[in-house]
Amino acid sequence: MLSSMKPTKYTALVLALVLLAGCATPFRPWKLSEIAEGMDRAQVVQVLGEPDFVETKDGAELLHYSYIENYNPPLSDDSNHFHEPRRGFQNRLERPSLKEYRYVVELVDGKVQNYKELVD
């Protein structure tokens, strides 16, 4: 079925699936403000949901979370989009502008020690 699809339809399908997958993610970064030092793992999971993956490092358990956001701004009222509205929309479909934010919650002895955003 996929081999008979046109490239633009295939790209739109993939983009829609990526966006839907992002919507299914229960983690929301603003929920981090509800995390307090001393909470246990079950309490963290109740607030943030299941982590994307768990890592053990230097005796600490690290719960990794990510949040994907579409940061493609809406079309402005500049003169370019009046001349080529379809091309601008098509380019947007072909090159999605998604940004991923990554966070880690550190548990020591089963209790929250701290949390932070991971930056590259």
PDB file of N, CA and C in Angstrom:
ATOM      1  N   MET A   1       0.820  -1.186   0.000  1.00  0.00           N
ATOM      2  CA  MET A   1       0.000   0.000   0.000  1.00  0.00           C
ATOM      3  C   MET A   1       0.870   1.258   0.000  1.00  0.00           C
ATOM      4  N   LEU A   2       1.897   1.302   0.857  1.00  0.00           N
ATOM      5  CA  LEU A   2       2.731   2.490   0.930  1.00  0.00           C
ATOM      6  C   LEU A   2       3.496   2.743  -0.362  1.00  0.00           C
ATOM      7  N   SER A   3       3.852   1.680  -1.097  1.00  0.00           N
ATOM      8  CA  SER A   3       4.604   1.856  -2.335  1.00  0.00           C
ATOM      9  C   SER A   3       3.774   2.525  -3.426  1.00  0.00           C
ATOM     10  N   SER A   4       2.440   2.445  -3.345  1.00  0.00           N
ATOM     11  CA  SER A   4       1.594   3.069  -4.349  1.00  0.00           C
ATOM     12  C   SER A   4       1.233   4.515  -4.003  1.00  0.00           C
ATOM     13  N   MET A   5       1.627   4.984  -2.802  1.00  0.00           N
ATOM     14  CA  MET A   5       1.314   6.353  -2.392  1.00  0.00           C
ATOM     15  C   MET A   5       2.292   7.342  -3.020  1.00  0.00           C
ATOM     16  N   LYS A   6       1.796   8.518  -3.339  1.00  0.00           N
ATOM     17  CA  LYS A   6       2.665   9.579  -3.838  1.00  0.00           C
ATOM     18  C   LYS A   6       3.534  10.076  -2.682  1.00  0.00           C
ATOM     19  N   PRO A   7       4.742  10.589  -3.003  1.00  0.00           N
ATOM     20  CA  PRO A   7       5.647  11.043  -1.929  1.00  0.00           C
ATOM     21  C   PRO A   7       5.027  12.077  -0.986  1.00  0.00           C
ATOM     22  N   THR A   8       4.247  13.021  -1.513  1.00  0.00           N
ATOM     23  CA  THR A   8       3.670  14.037  -0.631  1.00  0.00           C
ATOM     24  C   THR A   8       2.608  13.439   0.291  1.00  0.00           C
ATOM     25  N   LYS A   9       1.848  12.482  -0.209  1.00  0.00           N
ATOM     26  CA  LYS A   9       0.851  11.822   0.636  1.00  0.00           C
ATOM     27  C   LYS A   9       1.550  10.985   1.706  1.00  0.00           C
ATOM     28  N   TYR A  10       2.628  10.328   1.337  1.00  0.00           N
ATOM     29  CA  TYR A  10       3.394   9.526   2.294  1.00  0.00           C
ATOM     30  C   TYR A  10       3.981  10.424   3.379  1.00  0.00           C
ATOM     31  N   THR A  11       4.533  11.570   2.974  1.00  0.00           N
ATOM     32  CA  THR A  11       5.105  12.519   3.930  1.00  0.00           C
ATOM     33  C   THR A  11       4.025  13.036   4.874  1.00  0.00           C
ATOM     34  N   ALA A  12       2.866  13.371   4.343  1.00  0.00           N
ATOM     35  CA  ALA A  12       1.766  13.861   5.177  1.00  0.00           C
ATOM     36  C   ALA A  12       1.318  12.782   6.161  1.00  0.00           C
ATOM     37  N   LEU A  13       1.284  11.532   5.731  1.00  0.00           N
ATOM     38  CA  LEU A  13       0.907  10.423   6.605  1.00  0.00           C
ATOM     39  C   LEU A  13       1.916  10.274   7.739  1.00  0.00           C
ATOM     40  N   VAL A  14       3.192  10.312   7.406  1.00  0.00           N
ATOM     41  CA  VAL A  14       4.241  10.181   8.424  1.00  0.00           C
ATOM     42  C   VAL A  14       4.160  11.346   9.412  1.00  0.00           C
ATOM     43  N   LEU A  15       3.979  12.556   8.917  1.00  0.00           N
ATOM     44  CA  LEU A  15       3.871  13.726   9.775  1.00  0.00           C
ATOM     45  C   LEU A  15       2.673  13.594  10.720  1.00  0.00           C
ATOM     46  N   ALA A  16       1.548  13.164  10.193  1.00  0.00           N
ATOM     47  CA  ALA A  16       0.350  12.990  11.025  1.00  0.00           C
ATOM     48  C   ALA A  16       0.593  11.955  12.123  1.00  0.00           C
ATOM     49  N   LEU A  17       1.271  10.869  11.792  1.00  0.00           N
ATOM     50  CA  LEU A  17       1.569   9.845  12.800  1.00  0.00           C
ATOM     51  C   LEU A  17       2.510  10.373  13.871  1.00  0.00           C
ATOM     52  N   VAL A  18       3.504  11.153  13.476  1.00  0.00           N
ATOM     53  CA  VAL A  18       4.433  11.742  14.444  1.00  0.00           C
ATOM     54  C   VAL A  18       3.685  12.683  15.379  1.00  0.00           C
ATOM     55  N   LEU A  19       2.829  13.521  14.823  1.00  0.00           N
ATOM     56  CA  LEU A  19       2.079  14.461  15.646  1.00  0.00           C
ATOM     57  C   LEU A  19       1.118  13.750  16.579  1.00  0.00           C
ATOM     58  N   LEU A  20       0.478  12.692  16.096  1.00  0.00           N
ATOM     59  CA  LEU A  20      -0.418  11.919  16.947  1.00  0.00           C
ATOM     60  C   LEU A  20       0.352  11.229  18.064  1.00  0.00           C
ATOM     61  N   ALA A  21       1.530  10.723  17.750  1.00  0.00           N
ATOM     62  CA  ALA A  21       2.350  10.084  18.782  1.00  0.00           C
ATOM     63  C   ALA A  21       2.731  11.097  19.851  1.00  0.00           C
ATOM     64  N   GLY A  22       3.037  12.322  19.444  1.00  0.00           N
ATOM     65  CA  GLY A  22       3.353  13.373  20.405  1.00  0.00           C
ATOM     66  C   GLY A  22       2.160  13.703  21.289  1.00  0.00           C
ATOM     67  N   CYS A  23       0.972  13.656  20.732  1.00  0.00           N
ATOM     68  CA  CYS A  23      -0.231  13.940  21.510  1.00  0.00           C
ATOM     69  C   CYS A  23      -0.519  12.838  22.515  1.00  0.00           C
ATOM     70  N   ALA A  24      -0.090  11.618  22.210  1.00  0.00           N
ATOM     71  CA  ALA A  24      -0.351  10.489  23.091  1.00  0.00           C
ATOM     72  C   ALA A  24       0.580  10.473  24.295  1.00  0.00           C
ATOM     73  N   THR A  25       1.645  11.250  24.247  1.00  0.00           N
ATOM     74  CA  THR A  25       2.589  11.289  25.344  1.00  0.00           C
ATOM     75  C   THR A  25       1.942  11.960  26.542  1.00  0.00           C
ATOM     76  N   PRO A  26       1.843  11.255  27.690  1.00  0.00           N
ATOM     77  CA  PRO A  26       1.189  11.856  28.843  1.00  0.00           C
ATOM     78  C   PRO A  26       2.052  12.904  29.551  1.00  0.00           C
ATOM     79  N   PHE A  27       3.355  12.916  29.307  1.00  0.00           N
ATOM     80  CA  PHE A  27       4.246  13.840  29.997  1.00  0.00           C
ATOM     81  C   PHE A  27       4.047  15.265  29.507  1.00  0.00           C
ATOM     82  N   ARG A  28       3.911  16.176  30.436  1.00  0.00           N
ATOM     83  CA  ARG A  28       3.819  17.601  30.151  1.00  0.00           C
ATOM     84  C   ARG A  28       4.826  18.305  31.058  1.00  0.00           C
ATOM     85  N   PRO A  29       5.758  19.082  30.494  1.00  0.00           N
ATOM     86  CA  PRO A  29       6.817  19.694  31.291  1.00  0.00           C
ATOM     87  C   PRO A  29       6.315  20.556  32.451  1.00  0.00           C
ATOM     88  N   TRP A  30       5.187  21.212  32.278  1.00  0.00           N
ATOM     89  CA  TRP A  30       4.679  22.077  33.337  1.00  0.00           C
ATOM     90  C   TRP A  30       4.273  21.284  34.576  1.00  0.00           C
ATOM     91  N   LYS A  31       4.118  19.980  34.452  1.00  0.00           N
ATOM     92  CA  LYS A  31       3.791  19.133  35.603  1.00  0.00           C
ATOM     93  C   LYS A  31       5.004  18.948  36.521  1.00  0.00           C
ATOM     94  N   LEU A  32       6.206  19.280  36.024  1.00  0.00           N
ATOM     95  CA  LEU A  32       7.404  19.152  36.852  1.00  0.00           C
ATOM     96  C   LEU A  32       7.300  20.002  38.110  1.00  0.00           C
ATOM     97  N   SER A  33       6.564  21.084  38.068  1.00  0.00           N
ATOM     98  CA  SER A  33       6.429  21.943  39.246  1.00  0.00           C
ATOM     99  C   SER A  33       5.717  21.222  40.391  1.00  0.00           C
ATOM    100  N   GLU A  34       5.043  20.112  40.090  1.00  0.00           N
ATOM    101  CA  GLU A  34       4.367  19.330  41.125  1.00  0.00           C
ATOM    102  C   GLU A  34       5.300  18.302  41.776  1.00  0.00           C
ATOM    103  N   ILE A  35       6.507  18.153  41.243  1.00  0.00           N
ATOM    104  CA  ILE A  35       7.479  17.201  41.782  1.00  0.00           C
ATOM    105  C   ILE A  35       8.239  17.875  42.916  1.00  0.00           C
ATOM    106  N   ALA A  36       8.341  17.187  44.047  1.00  0.00           N
ATOM    107  CA  ALA A  36       9.034  17.740  45.209  1.00  0.00           C
ATOM    108  C   ALA A  36      10.110  16.766  45.686  1.00  0.00           C
ATOM    109  N   GLU A  37      11.148  17.324  46.249  1.00  0.00           N
ATOM    110  CA  GLU A  37      12.218  16.515  46.813  1.00  0.00           C
ATOM    111  C   GLU A  37      11.614  15.588  47.872  1.00  0.00           C
ATOM    112  N   GLY A  38      12.040  14.328  47.821  1.00  0.00           N
ATOM    113  CA  GLY A  38      11.554  13.345  48.788  1.00  0.00           C
ATOM    114  C   GLY A  38      10.420  12.473  48.276  1.00  0.00           C
ATOM    115  N   MET A  39       9.807  12.835  47.141  1.00  0.00           N
ATOM    116  CA  MET A  39       8.754  11.978  46.577  1.00  0.00           C
ATOM    117  C   MET A  39       9.369  10.661  46.133  1.00  0.00           C
ATOM    118  N   ASP A  40       8.590   9.578  46.177  1.00  0.00           N
ATOM    119  CA  ASP A  40       9.101   8.295  45.687  1.00  0.00           C
ATOM    120  C   ASP A  40       8.750   8.114  44.213  1.00  0.00           C
ATOM    121  N   ARG A  41       9.275   7.033  43.635  1.00  0.00           N
ATOM    122  CA  ARG A  41       9.097   6.777  42.195  1.00  0.00           C
ATOM    123  C   ARG A  41       7.626   6.701  41.808  1.00  0.00           C
ATOM    124  N   ALA A  42       6.828   6.011  42.613  1.00  0.00           N
ATOM    125  CA  ALA A  42       5.401   5.850  42.302  1.00  0.00           C
ATOM    126  C   ALA A  42       4.695   7.202  42.253  1.00  0.00           C
ATOM    127  N   GLN A  43       5.056   8.094  43.156  1.00  0.00           N
ATOM    128  CA  GLN A  43       4.452   9.426  43.154  1.00  0.00           C
ATOM    129  C   GLN A  43       4.851  10.216  41.905  1.00  0.00           C
ATOM    130  N   VAL A  44       6.115  10.092  41.498  1.00  0.00           N
ATOM    131  CA  VAL A  44       6.586  10.779  40.290  1.00  0.00           C
ATOM    132  C   VAL A  44       5.834  10.262  39.068  1.00  0.00           C
ATOM    133  N   VAL A  45       5.708   8.939  38.965  1.00  0.00           N
ATOM    134  CA  VAL A  45       5.008   8.341  37.822  1.00  0.00           C
ATOM    135  C   VAL A  45       3.536   8.731  37.826  1.00  0.00           C
ATOM    136  N   GLN A  46       2.947   8.864  39.005  1.00  0.00           N
ATOM    137  CA  GLN A  46       1.548   9.283  39.076  1.00  0.00           C
ATOM    138  C   GLN A  46       1.372  10.693  38.512  1.00  0.00           C
ATOM    139  N   VAL A  47       2.332  11.578  38.756  1.00  0.00           N
ATOM    140  CA  VAL A  47       2.239  12.956  38.277  1.00  0.00           C
ATOM    141  C   VAL A  47       2.663  13.088  36.814  1.00  0.00           C
ATOM    142  N   LEU A  48       3.806  12.479  36.461  1.00  0.00           N
ATOM    143  CA  LEU A  48       4.396  12.684  35.127  1.00  0.00           C
ATOM    144  C   LEU A  48       4.088  11.581  34.126  1.00  0.00           C
ATOM    145  N   GLY A  49       3.660  10.430  34.588  1.00  0.00           N
ATOM    146  CA  GLY A  49       3.462   9.286  33.709  1.00  0.00           C
ATOM    147  C   GLY A  49       4.726   8.442  33.664  1.00  0.00           C
ATOM    148  N   GLU A  50       4.672   7.351  32.937  1.00  0.00           N
ATOM    149  CA  GLU A  50       5.832   6.463  32.814  1.00  0.00           C
ATOM    150  C   GLU A  50       6.950   7.176  32.054  1.00  0.00           C
ATOM    151  N   PRO A  51       8.189   7.011  32.506  1.00  0.00           N
ATOM    152  CA  PRO A  51       9.306   7.646  31.797  1.00  0.00           C
ATOM    153  C   PRO A  51       9.555   6.994  30.445  1.00  0.00           C
ATOM    154  N   ASP A  52      10.222   7.719  29.557  1.00  0.00           N
ATOM    155  CA  ASP A  52      10.603   7.167  28.255  1.00  0.00           C
ATOM    156  C   ASP A  52      11.595   6.033  28.434  1.00  0.00           C
ATOM    157  N   PHE A  53      12.550   6.235  29.337  1.00  0.00           N
ATOM    158  CA  PHE A  53      13.476   5.174  29.710  1.00  0.00           C
ATOM    159  C   PHE A  53      14.080   5.501  31.067  1.00  0.00           C
ATOM    160  N   VAL A  54      14.643   4.455  31.699  1.00  0.00           N
ATOM    161  CA  VAL A  54      15.230   4.580  33.027  1.00  0.00           C
ATOM    162  C   VAL A  54      16.696   4.198  32.937  1.00  0.00           C
ATOM    163  N   GLU A  55      17.525   4.948  33.643  1.00  0.00           N
ATOM    164  CA  GLU A  55      18.968   4.710  33.632  1.00  0.00           C
ATOM    165  C   GLU A  55      19.450   4.690  35.083  1.00  0.00           C
ATOM    166  N   THR A  56      20.397   3.803  35.375  1.00  0.00           N
ATOM    167  CA  THR A  56      21.025   3.775  36.686  1.00  0.00           C
ATOM    168  C   THR A  56      22.450   4.268  36.525  1.00  0.00           C
ATOM    169  N   LYS A  57      22.813   5.271  37.355  1.00  0.00           N
ATOM    170  CA  LYS A  57      24.139   5.863  37.236  1.00  0.00           C
ATOM    171  C   LYS A  57      24.611   6.321  38.614  1.00  0.00           C
ATOM    172  N   ASP A  58      25.778   5.842  39.025  1.00  0.00           N
ATOM    173  CA  ASP A  58      26.374   6.232  40.307  1.00  0.00           C
ATOM    174  C   ASP A  58      25.403   6.079  41.478  1.00  0.00           C
ATOM    175  N   GLY A  59      24.659   4.988  41.490  1.00  0.00           N
ATOM    176  CA  GLY A  59      23.739   4.723  42.595  1.00  0.00           C
ATOM    177  C   GLY A  59      22.416   5.460  42.518  1.00  0.00           C
ATOM    178  N   ALA A  60      22.217   6.263  41.493  1.00  0.00           N
ATOM    179  CA  ALA A  60      20.960   7.008  41.330  1.00  0.00           C
ATOM    180  C   ALA A  60      20.140   6.391  40.202  1.00  0.00           C
ATOM    181  N   GLU A  61      18.843   6.486  40.327  1.00  0.00           N
ATOM    182  CA  GLU A  61      17.930   6.059  39.261  1.00  0.00           C
ATOM    183  C   GLU A  61      17.473   7.322  38.535  1.00  0.00           C
ATOM    184  N   LEU A  62      17.700   7.371  37.238  1.00  0.00           N
ATOM    185  CA  LEU A  62      17.359   8.536  36.431  1.00  0.00           C
ATOM    186  C   LEU A  62      16.150   8.214  35.555  1.00  0.00           C
ATOM    187  N   LEU A  63      15.078   8.950  35.740  1.00  0.00           N
ATOM    188  CA  LEU A  63      13.869   8.780  34.942  1.00  0.00           C
ATOM    189  C   LEU A  63      13.898   9.830  33.841  1.00  0.00           C
ATOM    190  N   HIS A  64      13.960   9.377  32.604  1.00  0.00           N
ATOM    191  CA  HIS A  64      14.066  10.289  31.463  1.00  0.00           C
ATOM    192  C   HIS A  64      12.694  10.498  30.815  1.00  0.00           C
ATOM    193  N   TYR A  65      12.398  11.769  30.560  1.00  0.00           N
ATOM    194  CA  TYR A  65      11.146  12.161  29.912  1.00  0.00           C
ATOM    195  C   TYR A  65      11.468  13.074  28.736  1.00  0.00           C
ATOM    196  N   SER A  66      10.593  13.069  27.744  1.00  0.00           N
ATOM    197  CA  SER A  66      10.763  13.999  26.627  1.00  0.00           C
ATOM    198  C   SER A  66       9.406  14.561  26.224  1.00  0.00           C
ATOM    199  N   TYR A  67       9.467  15.735  25.634  1.00  0.00           N
ATOM    200  CA  TYR A  67       8.268  16.426  25.185  1.00  0.00           C
ATOM    201  C   TYR A  67       8.567  17.002  23.810  1.00  0.00           C
ATOM    202  N   ILE A  68       7.738  16.685  22.837  1.00  0.00           N
ATOM    203  CA  ILE A  68       7.940  17.171  21.473  1.00  0.00           C
ATOM    204  C   ILE A  68       6.894  18.231  21.177  1.00  0.00           C
ATOM    205  N   GLU A  69       7.384  19.360  20.708  1.00  0.00           N
ATOM    206  CA  GLU A  69       6.514  20.495  20.450  1.00  0.00           C
ATOM    207  C   GLU A  69       6.702  20.962  19.009  1.00  0.00           C
ATOM    208  N   ASN A  70       5.609  21.268  18.353  1.00  0.00           N
ATOM    209  CA  ASN A  70       5.665  21.853  17.019  1.00  0.00           C
ATOM    210  C   ASN A  70       5.857  23.343  17.201  1.00  0.00           C
ATOM    211  N   TYR A  71       7.019  23.845  16.810  1.00  0.00           N
ATOM    212  CA  TYR A  71       7.280  25.265  16.979  1.00  0.00           C
ATOM    213  C   TYR A  71       7.284  26.019  15.664  1.00  0.00           C
ATOM    214  N   ASN A  72       6.598  25.476  14.673  1.00  0.00           N
ATOM    215  CA  ASN A  72       6.483  26.136  13.376  1.00  0.00           C
ATOM    216  C   ASN A  72       5.475  27.276  13.517  1.00  0.00           C
ATOM    217  N   PRO A  73       5.915  28.522  13.411  1.00  0.00           N
ATOM    218  CA  PRO A  73       4.987  29.644  13.597  1.00  0.00           C
ATOM    219  C   PRO A  73       3.952  29.701  12.481  1.00  0.00           C
ATOM    220  N   PRO A  74       2.801  30.297  12.753  1.00  0.00           N
ATOM    221  CA  PRO A  74       1.787  30.435  11.696  1.00  0.00           C
ATOM    222  C   PRO A  74       2.296  31.351  10.595  1.00  0.00           C
ATOM    223  N   LEU A  75       1.688  31.196   9.434  1.00  0.00           N
ATOM    224  CA  LEU A  75       2.070  32.059   8.312  1.00  0.00           C
ATOM    225  C   LEU A  75       1.800  33.509   8.668  1.00  0.00           C
ATOM    226  N   SER A  76       2.733  34.372   8.313  1.00  0.00           N
ATOM    227  CA  SER A  76       2.542  35.798   8.558  1.00  0.00           C
ATOM    228  C   SER A  76       1.802  36.401   7.373  1.00  0.00           C
ATOM    229  N   ASP A  77       1.464  37.658   7.501  1.00  0.00           N
ATOM    230  CA  ASP A  77       0.771  38.349   6.409  1.00  0.00           C
ATOM    231  C   ASP A  77       1.743  39.048   5.477  1.00  0.00           C
ATOM    232  N   ASP A  78       2.920  38.457   5.277  1.00  0.00           N
ATOM    233  CA  ASP A  78       3.858  39.082   4.345  1.00  0.00           C
ATOM    234  C   ASP A  78       3.433  38.781   2.909  1.00  0.00           C
ATOM    235  N   SER A  79       4.034  39.458   1.982  1.00  0.00           N
ATOM    236  CA  SER A  79       3.609  39.346   0.584  1.00  0.00           C
ATOM    237  C   SER A  79       3.970  38.003  -0.033  1.00  0.00           C
ATOM    238  N   ASN A  80       4.951  37.289   0.501  1.00  0.00           N
ATOM    239  CA  ASN A  80       5.380  36.024  -0.108  1.00  0.00           C
ATOM    240  C   ASN A  80       4.290  34.967  -0.104  1.00  0.00           C
ATOM    241  N   HIS A  81       3.559  34.844   0.987  1.00  0.00           N
ATOM    242  CA  HIS A  81       2.581  33.761   1.024  1.00  0.00           C
ATOM    243  C   HIS A  81       1.369  34.040   0.146  1.00  0.00           C
ATOM    244  N   PHE A  82       1.131  35.309  -0.224  1.00  0.00           N
ATOM    245  CA  PHE A  82       0.045  35.591  -1.151  1.00  0.00           C
ATOM    246  C   PHE A  82       0.390  35.117  -2.554  1.00  0.00           C
ATOM    247  N   HIS A  83       1.666  35.161  -2.901  1.00  0.00           N
ATOM    248  CA  HIS A  83       2.082  34.725  -4.228  1.00  0.00           C
ATOM    249  C   HIS A  83       2.227  33.216  -4.329  1.00  0.00           C
ATOM    250  N   GLU A  84       2.603  32.571  -3.228  1.00  0.00           N
ATOM    251  CA  GLU A  84       2.846  31.133  -3.266  1.00  0.00           C
ATOM    252  C   GLU A  84       2.259  30.424  -2.041  1.00  0.00           C
ATOM    253  N   PRO A  85       0.958  30.478  -1.851  1.00  0.00           N
ATOM    254  CA  PRO A  85       0.395  29.870  -0.641  1.00  0.00           C
ATOM    255  C   PRO A  85       0.541  28.356  -0.614  1.00  0.00           C
ATOM    256  N   ARG A  86       0.372  27.694  -1.728  1.00  0.00           N
ATOM    257  CA  ARG A  86       0.455  26.233  -1.737  1.00  0.00           C
ATOM    258  C   ARG A  86       1.877  25.771  -1.484  1.00  0.00           C
ATOM    259  N   ARG A  87       2.822  26.467  -2.060  1.00  0.00           N
ATOM    260  CA  ARG A  87       4.219  26.071  -1.887  1.00  0.00           C
ATOM    261  C   ARG A  87       4.639  26.199  -0.423  1.00  0.00           C
ATOM    262  N   GLY A  88       4.245  27.291   0.229  1.00  0.00           N
ATOM    263  CA  GLY A  88       4.575  27.470   1.643  1.00  0.00           C
ATOM    264  C   GLY A  88       3.976  26.368   2.491  1.00  0.00           C
ATOM    265  N   PHE A  89       2.724  26.023   2.240  1.00  0.00           N
ATOM    266  CA  PHE A  89       2.068  24.957   2.993  1.00  0.00           C
ATOM    267  C   PHE A  89       2.729  23.624   2.715  1.00  0.00           C
ATOM    268  N   GLN A  90       3.053  23.374   1.453  1.00  0.00           N
ATOM    269  CA  GLN A  90       3.678  22.113   1.080  1.00  0.00           C
ATOM    270  C   GLN A  90       5.064  21.989   1.720  1.00  0.00           C
ATOM    271  N   ASN A  91       5.834  23.058   1.731  1.00  0.00           N
ATOM    272  CA  ASN A  91       7.142  23.024   2.385  1.00  0.00           C
ATOM    273  C   ASN A  91       6.996  22.722   3.865  1.00  0.00           C
ATOM    274  N   ARG A  92       5.985  23.271   4.484  1.00  0.00           N
ATOM    275  CA  ARG A  92       5.759  23.035   5.904  1.00  0.00           C
ATOM    276  C   ARG A  92       5.464  21.557   6.159  1.00  0.00           C
ATOM    277  N   LEU A  93       4.707  20.913   5.277  1.00  0.00           N
ATOM    278  CA  LEU A  93       4.421  19.492   5.420  1.00  0.00           C
ATOM    279  C   LEU A  93       5.673  18.649   5.197  1.00  0.00           C
ATOM    280  N   GLU A  94       6.493  19.050   4.262  1.00  0.00           N
ATOM    281  CA  GLU A  94       7.670  18.266   3.934  1.00  0.00           C
ATOM    282  C   GLU A  94       8.773  18.417   4.974  1.00  0.00           C
ATOM    283  N   ARG A  95       8.827  19.557   5.654  1.00  0.00           N
ATOM    284  CA  ARG A  95       9.867  19.796   6.651  1.00  0.00           C
ATOM    285  C   ARG A  95       9.210  20.214   7.966  1.00  0.00           C
ATOM    286  N   PRO A  96       8.729  19.246   8.759  1.00  0.00           N
ATOM    287  CA  PRO A  96       8.088  19.634  10.009  1.00  0.00           C
ATOM    288  C   PRO A  96       9.099  20.290  10.943  1.00  0.00           C
ATOM    289  N   SER A  97       8.643  21.269  11.677  1.00  0.00           N
ATOM    290  CA  SER A  97       9.499  21.960  12.627  1.00  0.00           C
ATOM    291  C   SER A  97       9.127  21.497  14.030  1.00  0.00           C
ATOM    292  N   LEU A  98       9.746  20.427  14.462  1.00  0.00           N
ATOM    293  CA  LEU A  98       9.470  19.876  15.774  1.00  0.00           C
ATOM    294  C   LEU A  98      10.676  20.095  16.661  1.00  0.00           C
ATOM    295  N   LYS A  99      10.435  20.421  17.906  1.00  0.00           N
ATOM    296  CA  LYS A  99      11.524  20.599  18.864  1.00  0.00           C
ATOM    297  C   LYS A  99      11.288  19.641  20.018  1.00  0.00           C
ATOM    298  N   GLU A 100      12.336  18.959  20.428  1.00  0.00           N
ATOM    299  CA  GLU A 100      12.235  18.009  21.533  1.00  0.00           C
ATOM    300  C   GLU A 100      12.917  18.590  22.764  1.00  0.00           C
ATOM    301  N   TYR A 101      12.199  18.545  23.873  1.00  0.00           N
ATOM    302  CA  TYR A 101      12.737  18.948  25.162  1.00  0.00           C
ATOM    303  C   TYR A 101      12.929  17.673  25.979  1.00  0.00           C
ATOM    304  N   ARG A 102      14.056  17.573  26.664  1.00  0.00           N
ATOM    305  CA  ARG A 102      14.356  16.372  27.448  1.00  0.00           C
ATOM    306  C   ARG A 102      14.577  16.746  28.910  1.00  0.00           C
ATOM    307  N   TYR A 103      14.034  15.916  29.793  1.00  0.00           N
ATOM    308  CA  TYR A 103      14.108  16.160  31.230  1.00  0.00           C
ATOM    309  C   TYR A 103      14.521  14.868  31.929  1.00  0.00           C
ATOM    310  N   VAL A 104      15.119  15.019  33.104  1.00  0.00           N
ATOM    311  CA  VAL A 104      15.488  13.862  33.908  1.00  0.00           C
ATOM    312  C   VAL A 104      15.120  14.143  35.359  1.00  0.00           C
ATOM    313  N   VAL A 105      14.541  13.126  36.003  1.00  0.00           N
ATOM    314  CA  VAL A 105      14.243  13.178  37.436  1.00  0.00           C
ATOM    315  C   VAL A 105      15.207  12.202  38.096  1.00  0.00           C
ATOM    316  N   GLU A 106      15.975  12.690  39.060  1.00  0.00           N
ATOM    317  CA  GLU A 106      16.985  11.867  39.729  1.00  0.00           C
ATOM    318  C   GLU A 106      16.455  11.380  41.077  1.00  0.00           C
ATOM    319  N   LEU A 107      16.461  10.043  41.247  1.00  0.00           N
ATOM    320  CA  LEU A 107      16.047   9.420  42.507  1.00  0.00           C
ATOM    321  C   LEU A 107      17.271   8.816  43.180  1.00  0.00           C
ATOM    322  N   VAL A 108      17.486   9.147  44.443  1.00  0.00           N
ATOM    323  CA  VAL A 108      18.567   8.556  45.237  1.00  0.00           C
ATOM    324  C   VAL A 108      17.903   7.874  46.424  1.00  0.00           C
ATOM    325  N   ASP A 109      18.244   6.596  46.618  1.00  0.00           N
ATOM    326  CA  ASP A 109      17.601   5.791  47.664  1.00  0.00           C
ATOM    327  C   ASP A 109      16.080   5.790  47.507  1.00  0.00           C
ATOM    328  N   GLY A 110      15.609   5.808  46.255  1.00  0.00           N
ATOM    329  CA  GLY A 110      14.183   5.731  45.970  1.00  0.00           C
ATOM    330  C   GLY A 110      13.413   7.026  46.141  1.00  0.00           C
ATOM    331  N   LYS A 111      14.096   8.130  46.427  1.00  0.00           N
ATOM    332  CA  LYS A 111      13.432   9.422  46.644  1.00  0.00           C
ATOM    333  C   LYS A 111      13.976  10.468  45.680  1.00  0.00           C
ATOM    334  N   VAL A 112      13.124  11.408  45.291  1.00  0.00           N
ATOM    335  CA  VAL A 112      13.535  12.467  44.370  1.00  0.00           C
ATOM    336  C   VAL A 112      14.634  13.300  45.026  1.00  0.00           C
ATOM    337  N   GLN A 113      15.728  13.416  44.311  1.00  0.00           N
ATOM    338  CA  GLN A 113      16.836  14.285  44.738  1.00  0.00           C
ATOM    339  C   GLN A 113      16.722  15.631  44.016  1.00  0.00           C
ATOM    340  N   ASN A 114      16.501  15.578  42.698  1.00  0.00           N
ATOM    341  CA  ASN A 114      16.292  16.789  41.915  1.00  0.00           C
ATOM    342  C   ASN A 114      15.776  16.413  40.531  1.00  0.00           C
ATOM    343  N   TYR A 115      15.454  17.418  39.732  1.00  0.00           N
ATOM    344  CA  TYR A 115      15.070  17.224  38.335  1.00  0.00           C
ATOM    345  C   TYR A 115      15.599  18.409  37.553  1.00  0.00           C
ATOM    346  N   LYS A 116      15.788  18.188  36.247  1.00  0.00           N
ATOM    347  CA  LYS A 116      16.315  19.267  35.417  1.00  0.00           C
ATOM    348  C   LYS A 116      16.023  19.001  33.944  1.00  0.00           C
ATOM    349  N   GLU A 117      16.112  20.063  33.176  1.00  0.00           N
ATOM    350  CA  GLU A 117      16.018  19.946  31.720  1.00  0.00           C
ATOM    351  C   GLU A 117      17.413  19.642  31.204  1.00  0.00           C
ATOM    352  N   LEU A 118      17.502  18.699  30.282  1.00  0.00           N
ATOM    353  CA  LEU A 118      18.783  18.377  29.652  1.00  0.00           C
ATOM    354  C   LEU A 118      18.931  19.230  28.410  1.00  0.00           C
ATOM    355  N   VAL A 119      20.022  19.921  28.306  1.00  0.00           N
ATOM    356  CA  VAL A 119      20.292  20.754  27.128  1.00  0.00           C
ATOM    357  C   VAL A 119      21.518  20.230  26.423  1.00  0.00           C
ATOM    358  N   ASP A 120      21.505  20.377  25.101  1.00  0.00           N
ATOM    359  CA  ASP A 120      22.632  19.874  24.311  1.00  0.00           C
ATOM    360  C   ASP A 120      23.847  20.746  24.437  1.00  0.00           C
TER     361      ASP A 120
END
